[in-house]
Amino acid sequence: MSAMLYTIDSHTYVSPNYSTRPSGTAVSAIVLHTTEGSFDSDAEWLCNPTTGVSCHYVIPPSGSTIYSLVPDSKRAWHAGDSTYNGRSNWNTFSIGIEISHKKGQPYPNGQRNLTAELCIDLIARYHIGQEWIAAHRWVATPSGRKSDPTDWNDTDLKSWISALYPPPFIRYEVTSPCAVFTSRAPDAPLSGGPNEGQTWLDAGDLINVGDVQDGWLWVSDNETNPPGIGFIPSSYARVLP
């Protein structure tokens, strides 16, 4: 999971517009919306019991606070009639994220980054696949019923969604104890780390490898983290089947 760079406020705005998810239903998708209003009146509208509309999170135009209106475990009313990617009734299994934005206005600096941080955390928490993050307009039925998120075309949005996911890594097992170097050069300094200021890998350690080049592996320090701590000779590890 990514380092949390934001604060969740679940007290300022609380919406009554939700129901219980069907028994056994797991969160497995995210739907992105735009409020088409201004903050904070749009958050208040989503909490008004007469509207019959809500979402799980609202992303404000600025700041580092994200507002939680409905608990993840509940079925917020955000997607409406919906069918996409072979599944219907997206309210049942999705998290709804409203971005405070009105058509024709620019997205403030950092707002999409804040949205990305929240999505990355939700992806890790609920193991959400890339194909299950969707724009409201993609899932809304009949087609054309919704246009949000506005000012964010399909090509750019799909590229943004793809960037939420790290590139695939290859799992290796370390076969001999070795130090990690800062570059591929044979005389490169050792990478810093917890072992007397250095990073060492022991035989049997499982690591992730992101690049293989010129007899060197770009590695992680364990089987969970992505590559990035430095390089080891490829002869000191073997790829796992």
C-alpha atoms as a PDB file:
ATOM      1  CA  MET A   1       0.000   0.000   0.000  1.00  0.00           C
ATOM      2  CA  SER A   2       1.183   3.510  -0.708  1.00  0.00           C
ATOM      3  CA  ALA A   3       2.191   5.825   2.074  1.00  0.00           C
ATOM      4  CA  MET A   4      -0.915   7.716   3.110  1.00  0.00           C
ATOM      5  CA  LEU A   5      -0.396  11.386   2.228  1.00  0.00           C
ATOM      6  CA  TYR A   6      -3.887  12.517   3.165  1.00  0.00           C
ATOM      7  CA  THR A   7      -6.280  12.605   6.102  1.00  0.00           C
ATOM      8  CA  ILE A   8      -9.709  10.993   6.097  1.00  0.00           C
ATOM      9  CA  ASP A   9     -12.439  13.071   7.742  1.00  0.00           C
ATOM     10  CA  SER A  10     -15.497  10.916   8.424  1.00  0.00           C
ATOM     11  CA  HIS A  11     -17.265  13.390  10.726  1.00  0.00           C
ATOM     12  CA  THR A  12     -17.757  16.688   8.871  1.00  0.00           C
ATOM     13  CA  TYR A  13     -20.057  15.241   6.198  1.00  0.00           C
ATOM     14  CA  VAL A  14     -22.170  12.166   6.920  1.00  0.00           C
ATOM     15  CA  SER A  15     -24.717  10.949   4.381  1.00  0.00           C
ATOM     16  CA  PRO A  16     -27.798   8.881   5.249  1.00  0.00           C
ATOM     17  CA  ASN A  17     -28.176   7.879   1.610  1.00  0.00           C
ATOM     18  CA  TYR A  18     -26.956   4.313   1.641  1.00  0.00           C
ATOM     19  CA  SER A  19     -28.103   0.752   2.157  1.00  0.00           C
ATOM     20  CA  THR A  20     -26.549  -2.551   3.155  1.00  0.00           C
ATOM     21  CA  ARG A  21     -24.434  -4.415   0.625  1.00  0.00           C
ATOM     22  CA  PRO A  22     -25.839  -7.874  -0.145  1.00  0.00           C
ATOM     23  CA  SER A  23     -24.459 -10.568   2.126  1.00  0.00           C
ATOM     24  CA  GLY A  24     -21.118 -11.894   0.923  1.00  0.00           C
ATOM     25  CA  THR A  25     -20.495  -8.977  -1.445  1.00  0.00           C
ATOM     26  CA  ALA A  26     -16.889  -7.784  -1.473  1.00  0.00           C
ATOM     27  CA  VAL A  27     -15.746  -4.359  -2.615  1.00  0.00           C
ATOM     28  CA  SER A  28     -14.130  -4.957  -5.996  1.00  0.00           C
ATOM     29  CA  ALA A  29     -14.479  -1.769  -8.063  1.00  0.00           C
ATOM     30  CA  ILE A  30     -14.189   2.024  -8.040  1.00  0.00           C
ATOM     31  CA  VAL A  31     -16.394   4.519  -9.884  1.00  0.00           C
ATOM     32  CA  LEU A  32     -15.059   8.039 -10.488  1.00  0.00           C
ATOM     33  CA  HIS A  33     -17.488  10.971 -10.578  1.00  0.00           C
ATOM     34  CA  THR A  34     -17.416  14.757 -10.640  1.00  0.00           C
ATOM     35  CA  THR A  35     -19.837  16.738  -8.504  1.00  0.00           C
ATOM     36  CA  GLU A  36     -20.524  19.459 -11.115  1.00  0.00           C
ATOM     37  CA  GLY A  37     -20.940  21.937  -8.299  1.00  0.00           C
ATOM     38  CA  SER A  38     -18.743  23.775  -5.849  1.00  0.00           C
ATOM     39  CA  PHE A  39     -17.274  22.651  -2.582  1.00  0.00           C
ATOM     40  CA  ASP A  40     -18.641  22.472   0.057  1.00  0.00           C
ATOM     41  CA  SER A  41     -22.220  22.793  -1.142  1.00  0.00           C
ATOM     42  CA  ASP A  42     -21.792  19.660  -3.260  1.00  0.00           C
ATOM     43  CA  ALA A  43     -20.766  17.637  -0.179  1.00  0.00           C
ATOM     44  CA  GLU A  44     -23.775  18.983   1.699  1.00  0.00           C
ATOM     45  CA  TRP A  45     -26.024  18.008  -1.229  1.00  0.00           C
ATOM     46  CA  LEU A  46     -24.697  14.446  -1.106  1.00  0.00           C
ATOM     47  CA  CYS A  47     -25.627  14.356   2.581  1.00  0.00           C
ATOM     48  CA  ASN A  48     -29.150  15.686   2.085  1.00  0.00           C
ATOM     49  CA  PRO A  49     -31.655  12.861   2.689  1.00  0.00           C
ATOM     50  CA  THR A  50     -34.048  14.309   0.090  1.00  0.00           C
ATOM     51  CA  THR A  51     -31.587  13.849  -2.802  1.00  0.00           C
ATOM     52  CA  GLY A  52     -31.298  10.072  -2.588  1.00  0.00           C
ATOM     53  CA  VAL A  53     -27.691  10.372  -3.795  1.00  0.00           C
ATOM     54  CA  SER A  54     -24.374   9.847  -2.038  1.00  0.00           C
ATOM     55  CA  CYS A  55     -20.859   8.502  -2.454  1.00  0.00           C
ATOM     56  CA  HIS A  56     -18.153   7.085  -0.259  1.00  0.00           C
ATOM     57  CA  TYR A  57     -15.547   9.845  -0.679  1.00  0.00           C
ATOM     58  CA  VAL A  58     -15.412  13.472  -1.823  1.00  0.00           C
ATOM     59  CA  ILE A  59     -12.115  14.942  -3.060  1.00  0.00           C
ATOM     60  CA  PRO A  60     -12.034  18.723  -2.408  1.00  0.00           C
ATOM     61  CA  PRO A  61     -10.354  21.148  -4.814  1.00  0.00           C
ATOM     62  CA  SER A  62      -7.398  21.706  -2.512  1.00  0.00           C
ATOM     63  CA  GLY A  63      -5.810  20.517   0.695  1.00  0.00           C
ATOM     64  CA  SER A  64      -4.927  17.048   1.925  1.00  0.00           C
ATOM     65  CA  THR A  65      -8.231  16.068   3.568  1.00  0.00           C
ATOM     66  CA  ILE A  66     -10.581  13.607   1.894  1.00  0.00           C
ATOM     67  CA  TYR A  67     -14.131  13.451   3.203  1.00  0.00           C
ATOM     68  CA  SER A  68     -15.749  10.084   3.858  1.00  0.00           C
ATOM     69  CA  LEU A  69     -19.541  10.343   3.636  1.00  0.00           C
ATOM     70  CA  VAL A  70     -20.477   6.655   3.705  1.00  0.00           C
ATOM     71  CA  PRO A  71     -18.441   3.744   5.163  1.00  0.00           C
ATOM     72  CA  ASP A  72     -16.823   1.444   2.605  1.00  0.00           C
ATOM     73  CA  SER A  73     -18.826  -1.454   3.999  1.00  0.00           C
ATOM     74  CA  LYS A  74     -22.108   0.204   3.000  1.00  0.00           C
ATOM     75  CA  ARG A  75     -23.761   0.522  -0.417  1.00  0.00           C
ATOM     76  CA  ALA A  76     -23.635   4.222  -1.305  1.00  0.00           C
ATOM     77  CA  TRP A  77     -26.068   5.465  -3.969  1.00  0.00           C
ATOM     78  CA  HIS A  78     -23.743   6.889  -6.607  1.00  0.00           C
ATOM     79  CA  ALA A  79     -23.798   4.812  -9.821  1.00  0.00           C
ATOM     80  CA  GLY A  80     -27.539   4.419 -10.395  1.00  0.00           C
ATOM     81  CA  ASP A  81     -28.614   2.158 -13.249  1.00  0.00           C
ATOM     82  CA  SER A  82     -25.326   0.689 -14.379  1.00  0.00           C
ATOM     83  CA  THR A  83     -23.814  -2.041 -16.527  1.00  0.00           C
ATOM     84  CA  TYR A  84     -20.198  -2.304 -17.582  1.00  0.00           C
ATOM     85  CA  ASN A  85     -17.575  -4.963 -18.241  1.00  0.00           C
ATOM     86  CA  GLY A  86     -20.147  -7.721 -17.900  1.00  0.00           C
ATOM     87  CA  ARG A  87     -21.457  -6.638 -14.483  1.00  0.00           C
ATOM     88  CA  SER A  88     -24.588  -4.722 -13.501  1.00  0.00           C
ATOM     89  CA  ASN A  89     -25.728  -2.812 -10.416  1.00  0.00           C
ATOM     90  CA  TRP A  90     -22.345  -1.266  -9.719  1.00  0.00           C
ATOM     91  CA  ASN A  91     -23.511   0.320  -6.469  1.00  0.00           C
ATOM     92  CA  THR A  92     -23.524  -3.171  -5.014  1.00  0.00           C
ATOM     93  CA  PHE A  93     -19.780  -3.849  -5.211  1.00  0.00           C
ATOM     94  CA  SER A  94     -18.090  -0.501  -5.889  1.00  0.00           C
ATOM     95  CA  ILE A  95     -16.658   2.476  -4.043  1.00  0.00           C
ATOM     96  CA  GLY A  96     -17.920   5.827  -5.334  1.00  0.00           C
ATOM     97  CA  ILE A  97     -15.467   8.748  -5.431  1.00  0.00           C
ATOM     98  CA  GLU A  98     -16.772  12.240  -6.180  1.00  0.00           C
ATOM     99  CA  ILE A  99     -14.215  14.799  -7.345  1.00  0.00           C
ATOM    100  CA  SER A 100     -15.348  18.345  -6.571  1.00  0.00           C
ATOM    101  CA  HIS A 101     -15.222  19.770 -10.100  1.00  0.00           C
ATOM    102  CA  LYS A 102     -17.491  21.630 -12.496  1.00  0.00           C
ATOM    103  CA  LYS A 103     -17.385  21.237 -16.278  1.00  0.00           C
ATOM    104  CA  GLY A 104     -15.238  23.826 -17.990  1.00  0.00           C
ATOM    105  CA  GLN A 105     -13.094  24.551 -14.963  1.00  0.00           C
ATOM    106  CA  PRO A 106      -9.515  23.341 -14.559  1.00  0.00           C
ATOM    107  CA  TYR A 107      -8.707  20.718 -11.981  1.00  0.00           C
ATOM    108  CA  PRO A 108      -6.678  22.441  -9.236  1.00  0.00           C
ATOM    109  CA  ASN A 109      -3.068  21.374  -8.848  1.00  0.00           C
ATOM    110  CA  GLY A 110      -2.837  18.274  -6.718  1.00  0.00           C
ATOM    111  CA  GLN A 111      -6.500  17.234  -6.870  1.00  0.00           C
ATOM    112  CA  ARG A 112      -5.908  14.371  -9.287  1.00  0.00           C
ATOM    113  CA  ASN A 113      -2.846  13.347  -7.286  1.00  0.00           C
ATOM    114  CA  LEU A 114      -4.997  13.230  -4.154  1.00  0.00           C
ATOM    115  CA  THR A 115      -7.519  11.115  -6.046  1.00  0.00           C
ATOM    116  CA  ALA A 116      -4.700   8.818  -7.156  1.00  0.00           C
ATOM    117  CA  GLU A 117      -3.439   8.361  -3.596  1.00  0.00           C
ATOM    118  CA  LEU A 118      -6.901   7.341  -2.435  1.00  0.00           C
ATOM    119  CA  CYS A 119      -7.359   4.958  -5.365  1.00  0.00           C
ATOM    120  CA  ILE A 120      -3.964   3.334  -4.784  1.00  0.00           C
ATOM    121  CA  ASP A 121      -4.868   2.693  -1.147  1.00  0.00           C
ATOM    122  CA  LEU A 122      -8.265   1.257  -2.111  1.00  0.00           C
ATOM    123  CA  ILE A 123      -6.667  -0.930  -4.798  1.00  0.00           C
ATOM    124  CA  ALA A 124      -4.304  -2.415  -2.213  1.00  0.00           C
ATOM    125  CA  ARG A 125      -6.979  -2.767   0.468  1.00  0.00           C
ATOM    126  CA  TYR A 126      -9.556  -4.501  -1.721  1.00  0.00           C
ATOM    127  CA  HIS A 127      -7.354  -6.053  -4.434  1.00  0.00           C
ATOM    128  CA  ILE A 128      -9.129  -4.144  -7.199  1.00  0.00           C
ATOM    129  CA  GLY A 129      -8.041  -4.984 -10.738  1.00  0.00           C
ATOM    130  CA  GLN A 130      -7.347  -2.275 -13.288  1.00  0.00           C
ATOM    131  CA  GLU A 131     -10.391  -3.217 -15.364  1.00  0.00           C
ATOM    132  CA  TRP A 132     -12.652  -2.453 -12.389  1.00  0.00           C
ATOM    133  CA  ILE A 133     -11.880   1.262 -12.128  1.00  0.00           C
ATOM    134  CA  ALA A 134     -14.392   3.120 -14.259  1.00  0.00           C
ATOM    135  CA  ALA A 135     -15.787   6.532 -15.080  1.00  0.00           C
ATOM    136  CA  HIS A 136     -19.401   7.113 -14.142  1.00  0.00           C
ATOM    137  CA  ARG A 137     -20.207   7.664 -17.815  1.00  0.00           C
ATOM    138  CA  TRP A 138     -18.805   4.224 -18.676  1.00  0.00           C
ATOM    139  CA  VAL A 139     -21.069   2.368 -16.279  1.00  0.00           C
ATOM    140  CA  ALA A 140     -24.236   4.484 -16.457  1.00  0.00           C
ATOM    141  CA  THR A 141     -27.128   3.022 -18.440  1.00  0.00           C
ATOM    142  CA  PRO A 142     -28.542   3.784 -20.860  1.00  0.00           C
ATOM    143  CA  SER A 143     -25.369   4.890 -22.629  1.00  0.00           C
ATOM    144  CA  GLY A 144     -25.031   8.665 -22.618  1.00  0.00           C
ATOM    145  CA  ARG A 145     -27.004   9.140 -19.411  1.00  0.00           C
ATOM    146  CA  LYS A 146     -23.941  10.564 -17.625  1.00  0.00           C
ATOM    147  CA  SER A 147     -20.840  12.439 -18.809  1.00  0.00           C
ATOM    148  CA  ASP A 148     -18.715  12.606 -15.671  1.00  0.00           C
ATOM    149  CA  PRO A 149     -15.958  12.896 -14.772  1.00  0.00           C
ATOM    150  CA  THR A 150     -16.050  15.963 -17.022  1.00  0.00           C
ATOM    151  CA  ASP A 151     -12.988  17.544 -18.679  1.00  0.00           C
ATOM    152  CA  TRP A 152     -11.242  14.179 -18.530  1.00  0.00           C
ATOM    153  CA  ASN A 153     -11.400  12.317 -21.845  1.00  0.00           C
ATOM    154  CA  ASP A 154     -11.386   8.535 -22.061  1.00  0.00           C
ATOM    155  CA  THR A 155      -7.846   8.252 -23.411  1.00  0.00           C
ATOM    156  CA  ASP A 156      -6.315  10.381 -20.656  1.00  0.00           C
ATOM    157  CA  LEU A 157      -8.410   8.765 -17.946  1.00  0.00           C
ATOM    158  CA  LYS A 158      -7.466   5.239 -19.009  1.00  0.00           C
ATOM    159  CA  SER A 159      -3.796   6.249 -19.031  1.00  0.00           C
ATOM    160  CA  TRP A 160      -4.197   7.726 -15.548  1.00  0.00           C
ATOM    161  CA  ILE A 161      -5.823   4.528 -14.292  1.00  0.00           C
ATOM    162  CA  SER A 162      -3.041   2.417 -15.791  1.00  0.00           C
ATOM    163  CA  ALA A 163      -0.448   4.524 -13.965  1.00  0.00           C
ATOM    164  CA  LEU A 164      -2.044   3.574 -10.635  1.00  0.00           C
ATOM    165  CA  TYR A 165      -0.638   0.077 -11.098  1.00  0.00           C
ATOM    166  CA  PRO A 166       3.080  -0.752 -10.917  1.00  0.00           C
ATOM    167  CA  PRO A 167       4.661  -2.569 -13.841  1.00  0.00           C
ATOM    168  CA  PRO A 168       4.824  -6.344 -13.501  1.00  0.00           C
ATOM    169  CA  PHE A 169       7.776  -7.686 -11.553  1.00  0.00           C
ATOM    170  CA  ILE A 170       9.602 -10.996 -11.809  1.00  0.00           C
ATOM    171  CA  ARG A 171      10.063 -13.013  -8.624  1.00  0.00           C
ATOM    172  CA  TYR A 172      13.599 -14.256  -7.903  1.00  0.00           C
ATOM    173  CA  GLU A 173      15.242 -16.276  -5.139  1.00  0.00           C
ATOM    174  CA  VAL A 174      18.672 -15.223  -3.898  1.00  0.00           C
ATOM    175  CA  THR A 175      21.068 -18.171  -4.197  1.00  0.00           C
ATOM    176  CA  SER A 176      24.155 -16.706  -2.492  1.00  0.00           C
ATOM    177  CA  PRO A 177      24.621 -13.927   0.066  1.00  0.00           C
ATOM    178  CA  CYS A 178      25.353 -10.655  -1.678  1.00  0.00           C
ATOM    179  CA  ALA A 179      25.519  -6.912  -1.207  1.00  0.00           C
ATOM    180  CA  VAL A 180      23.334  -4.515  -3.183  1.00  0.00           C
ATOM    181  CA  PHE A 181      25.108  -1.930  -5.360  1.00  0.00           C
ATOM    182  CA  THR A 182      23.952   1.557  -6.337  1.00  0.00           C
ATOM    183  CA  SER A 183      24.571   0.937 -10.049  1.00  0.00           C
ATOM    184  CA  ARG A 184      25.554  -1.797 -12.513  1.00  0.00           C
ATOM    185  CA  ALA A 185      29.216  -0.789 -12.459  1.00  0.00           C
ATOM    186  CA  PRO A 186      31.457  -3.427 -10.809  1.00  0.00           C
ATOM    187  CA  ASP A 187      33.105  -0.720  -8.678  1.00  0.00           C
ATOM    188  CA  ALA A 188      29.841   0.992  -7.702  1.00  0.00           C
ATOM    189  CA  PRO A 189      29.324   1.946  -4.052  1.00  0.00           C
ATOM    190  CA  LEU A 190      27.134  -0.298  -1.943  1.00  0.00           C
ATOM    191  CA  SER A 191      23.547   0.756  -1.355  1.00  0.00           C
ATOM    192  CA  GLY A 192      22.740   2.072   2.088  1.00  0.00           C
ATOM    193  CA  GLY A 193      20.697  -0.090   4.377  1.00  0.00           C
ATOM    194  CA  PRO A 194      20.145  -1.633   7.805  1.00  0.00           C
ATOM    195  CA  ASN A 195      23.163  -3.979   7.773  1.00  0.00           C
ATOM    196  CA  GLU A 196      25.886  -1.713   9.171  1.00  0.00           C
ATOM    197  CA  GLY A 197      24.850   0.951   6.698  1.00  0.00           C
ATOM    198  CA  GLN A 198      24.562  -1.469   3.797  1.00  0.00           C
ATOM    199  CA  THR A 199      21.914  -3.701   2.240  1.00  0.00           C
ATOM    200  CA  TRP A 200      22.674  -7.418   2.101  1.00  0.00           C
ATOM    201  CA  LEU A 201      20.548 -10.233   0.740  1.00  0.00           C
ATOM    202  CA  ASP A 202      20.825 -13.754   2.093  1.00  0.00           C
ATOM    203  CA  ALA A 203      20.476 -17.078   0.313  1.00  0.00           C
ATOM    204  CA  GLY A 204      16.817 -18.024   0.200  1.00  0.00           C
ATOM    205  CA  ASP A 205      15.512 -14.444   0.245  1.00  0.00           C
ATOM    206  CA  LEU A 206      12.685 -13.813  -2.208  1.00  0.00           C
ATOM    207  CA  ILE A 207      12.910 -10.537  -4.100  1.00  0.00           C
ATOM    208  CA  ASN A 208      11.217  -8.718  -6.977  1.00  0.00           C
ATOM    209  CA  VAL A 209      13.221  -7.853 -10.078  1.00  0.00           C
ATOM    210  CA  GLY A 210      12.151  -5.068 -12.408  1.00  0.00           C
ATOM    211  CA  ASP A 211      14.953  -5.085 -14.954  1.00  0.00           C
ATOM    212  CA  VAL A 212      17.633  -7.479 -16.201  1.00  0.00           C
ATOM    213  CA  GLN A 213      20.485  -5.912 -18.129  1.00  0.00           C
ATOM    214  CA  ASP A 214      24.200  -6.582 -18.720  1.00  0.00           C
ATOM    215  CA  GLY A 215      24.264  -9.346 -16.119  1.00  0.00           C
ATOM    216  CA  TRP A 216      22.691  -7.221 -13.382  1.00  0.00           C
ATOM    217  CA  LEU A 217      19.301  -7.325 -11.667  1.00  0.00           C
ATOM    218  CA  TRP A 218      17.430  -4.252 -10.407  1.00  0.00           C
ATOM    219  CA  VAL A 219      15.989  -5.553  -7.141  1.00  0.00           C
ATOM    220  CA  SER A 220      13.765  -5.031  -4.128  1.00  0.00           C
ATOM    221  CA  ASP A 221      14.785  -5.810  -0.561  1.00  0.00           C
ATOM    222  CA  ASN A 222      12.041  -8.404  -0.027  1.00  0.00           C
ATOM    223  CA  GLU A 223       9.174 -10.210  -1.762  1.00  0.00           C
ATOM    224  CA  THR A 224       6.634  -7.466  -1.002  1.00  0.00           C
ATOM    225  CA  ASN A 225       8.292  -4.204  -2.036  1.00  0.00           C
ATOM    226  CA  PRO A 226       8.858  -3.114  -5.656  1.00  0.00           C
ATOM    227  CA  PRO A 227      12.391  -2.930  -7.086  1.00  0.00           C
ATOM    228  CA  GLY A 228      14.331   0.210  -6.339  1.00  0.00           C
ATOM    229  CA  ILE A 229      17.031  -0.374  -3.720  1.00  0.00           C
ATOM    230  CA  GLY A 230      19.822  -1.126  -6.220  1.00  0.00           C
ATOM    231  CA  PHE A 231      21.488  -3.858  -8.249  1.00  0.00           C
ATOM    232  CA  ILE A 232      22.993  -7.314  -7.741  1.00  0.00           C
ATOM    233  CA  PRO A 233      24.810  -9.581 -10.216  1.00  0.00           C
ATOM    234  CA  SER A 234      22.370 -11.931 -11.912  1.00  0.00           C
ATOM    235  CA  SER A 235      24.522 -14.929 -10.952  1.00  0.00           C
ATOM    236  CA  TYR A 236      23.510 -14.450  -7.301  1.00  0.00           C
ATOM    237  CA  ALA A 237      19.807 -15.172  -7.871  1.00  0.00           C
ATOM    238  CA  ARG A 238      17.540 -17.408  -9.917  1.00  0.00           C
ATOM    239  CA  VAL A 239      14.158 -16.677 -11.429  1.00  0.00           C
ATOM    240  CA  LEU A 240      11.326 -18.636  -9.844  1.00  0.00           C
ATOM    241  CA  PRO A 241       8.979 -20.669 -12.022  1.00  0.00           C
END
